[in-house]
Protein backbone atom coordinates (compact mmCIF):
# COMPACT_ATOMS: atom_id res chain seq x y z
CA MET A 1 130.68 0.52 146.34
CA ARG A 2 126.96 0.45 144.95
CA GLU A 3 125.95 -2.17 142.72
CA GLY A 4 127.15 -1.65 139.29
CA SER A 5 127.98 2.09 139.92
CA THR A 6 131.28 2.76 138.39
CA THR A 7 132.48 -0.57 136.73
CA GLY A 8 130.09 -0.68 133.80
CA ASP A 9 129.08 -4.22 134.63
CA ARG A 10 125.54 -4.90 133.58
CA PRO A 11 125.06 -8.39 135.50
CA TYR A 12 121.13 -8.39 135.45
CA LYS A 13 120.09 -9.75 132.06
CA CYS A 14 116.58 -10.23 130.63
CA GLU A 15 115.69 -13.62 129.84
CA ALA A 16 113.53 -12.66 126.94
CA CYS A 17 115.75 -10.16 125.07
CA GLU A 18 119.23 -10.36 126.49
CA ARG A 19 119.06 -6.74 127.46
CA ALA A 20 121.43 -6.08 130.56
CA PHE A 21 121.00 -3.81 133.43
CA ALA A 22 123.32 -2.45 136.26
CA ARG A 23 120.60 -2.79 138.90
CA ASN A 24 118.04 -5.30 139.45
CA GLU A 25 115.26 -2.88 139.95
CA GLU A 26 115.82 -1.59 136.36
CA LEU A 27 115.48 -5.18 135.23
CA THR A 28 112.38 -5.40 137.13
CA ARG A 29 111.07 -2.49 135.38
CA HIS A 30 112.01 -3.72 132.26
CA ARG A 31 110.37 -7.25 132.43
CA ARG A 32 106.96 -5.48 132.43
CA ILE A 33 107.70 -4.60 128.83
CA HIS A 34 107.43 -8.22 127.98
CA SER A 35 104.85 -9.40 130.49
CA GLY A 36 102.44 -6.50 129.76
CA ASP A 37 102.19 -6.16 133.57
CA LYS A 38 100.78 -2.61 134.62
CA PRO A 39 100.42 -2.82 138.43
CA HIS A 40 99.98 1.11 138.76
CA ALA A 41 96.24 1.96 138.56
CA CYS A 42 94.66 5.52 138.42
CA ASP A 43 92.03 5.73 140.90
CA LEU A 44 90.14 8.38 138.68
CA CYS A 45 89.95 6.22 135.53
CA ALA A 46 90.62 2.79 134.19
CA ARG A 47 94.16 3.38 133.04
CA ARG A 48 96.84 1.32 134.28
CA PHE A 49 100.76 2.12 133.88
CA ALA A 50 103.88 -0.23 134.19
CA ARG A 51 106.00 2.60 135.95
CA LYS A 52 104.81 4.70 139.02
CA ASP A 53 106.33 8.00 137.68
CA HIS A 54 104.00 7.52 134.45
CA LEU A 55 100.83 7.22 136.78
CA GLY A 56 102.11 10.44 138.55
CA LYS A 57 102.12 12.31 135.34
CA HIS A 58 98.95 11.04 134.11
CA ARG A 59 97.08 11.72 137.36
CA LYS A 60 97.92 15.56 136.59
CA THR A 61 95.74 15.13 133.33
CA HIS A 62 92.87 14.84 135.69
CA LEU A 63 93.15 18.39 137.31
CA ASP A 64 90.84 20.98 136.38
CA GLU A 65 92.00 23.94 134.35
CA ALA A 66 92.00 26.27 137.48
CA HIS A 67 94.39 24.01 139.29
CA LYS A 68 97.10 23.42 136.39
CA ARG A 69 100.23 25.16 136.46
CA VAL A 70 100.75 26.57 133.16
CA HIS A 71 103.79 27.20 131.53
CA VAL A 72 103.94 29.81 128.61
CA CYS A 73 106.61 29.96 125.85
CA SER A 74 108.39 33.33 126.40
CA GLN A 75 109.74 33.78 122.88
CA PRO A 76 108.10 36.87 121.11
CA GLY A 77 105.02 36.13 119.35
CA CYS A 78 104.87 32.51 120.25
CA GLY A 79 102.88 32.03 123.56
CA HIS A 80 102.59 28.16 123.21
CA ARG A 81 101.17 26.82 126.51
CA TYR A 82 101.95 23.55 128.37
CA THR A 83 101.03 22.19 131.45
CA ARG A 84 104.41 20.21 132.03
CA THR A 85 107.92 21.79 131.95
CA ASP A 86 109.39 18.99 129.96
CA ALA A 87 106.88 19.78 127.11
CA LEU A 88 107.72 23.40 127.00
CA THR A 89 111.57 22.40 127.23
CA ARG A 90 111.06 20.34 124.22
CA HIS A 91 108.97 22.87 122.30
CA GLN A 92 111.79 25.57 122.92
CA TRP A 93 114.35 23.06 121.67
CA THR A 94 112.48 22.39 118.54
CA ALA A 95 110.78 25.34 117.59
CA HIS A 96 113.15 27.98 118.96
CA ALA A 97 116.50 26.07 119.08
CA ILE A 98 116.99 27.29 122.57
CA ARG A 99 119.48 25.22 124.56
CA ARG A 100 120.63 25.66 128.28
CA CYS A 101 124.27 24.62 127.45
CA SER A 102 126.27 23.06 124.43
CA ARG A 103 125.81 19.48 126.17
CA TRP A 104 122.01 20.00 126.79
CA GLN A 105 119.67 17.52 125.23
CA PRO A 106 115.99 17.78 125.28
CA PRO A 107 113.96 15.49 127.67
CA VAL A 108 112.32 12.30 126.05
CA ILE A 109 108.59 12.55 126.52
């Protein structure tokens, strides 16, 4: 059985705020909130990030317009344009109340 997978146990506790996690990797990532550690650096500018996935999203901002994939809202008369699908999804949720299913929730940006 994977560590903390089905039991709901959260044995990894933050010493600074008592928040608990099921996996040690989650605790390690969380600790960066308190320490301010940002080990992931953009090689094109001076920005640094605590999370590797945030650096990946940031790197896309350096692409020139010709290389960016653009997602356009398909609602009649709208035409809002986004470079990230999660931003388009959030727009469709908030501006047009478009949901994929009754249990669907918009992504957190």
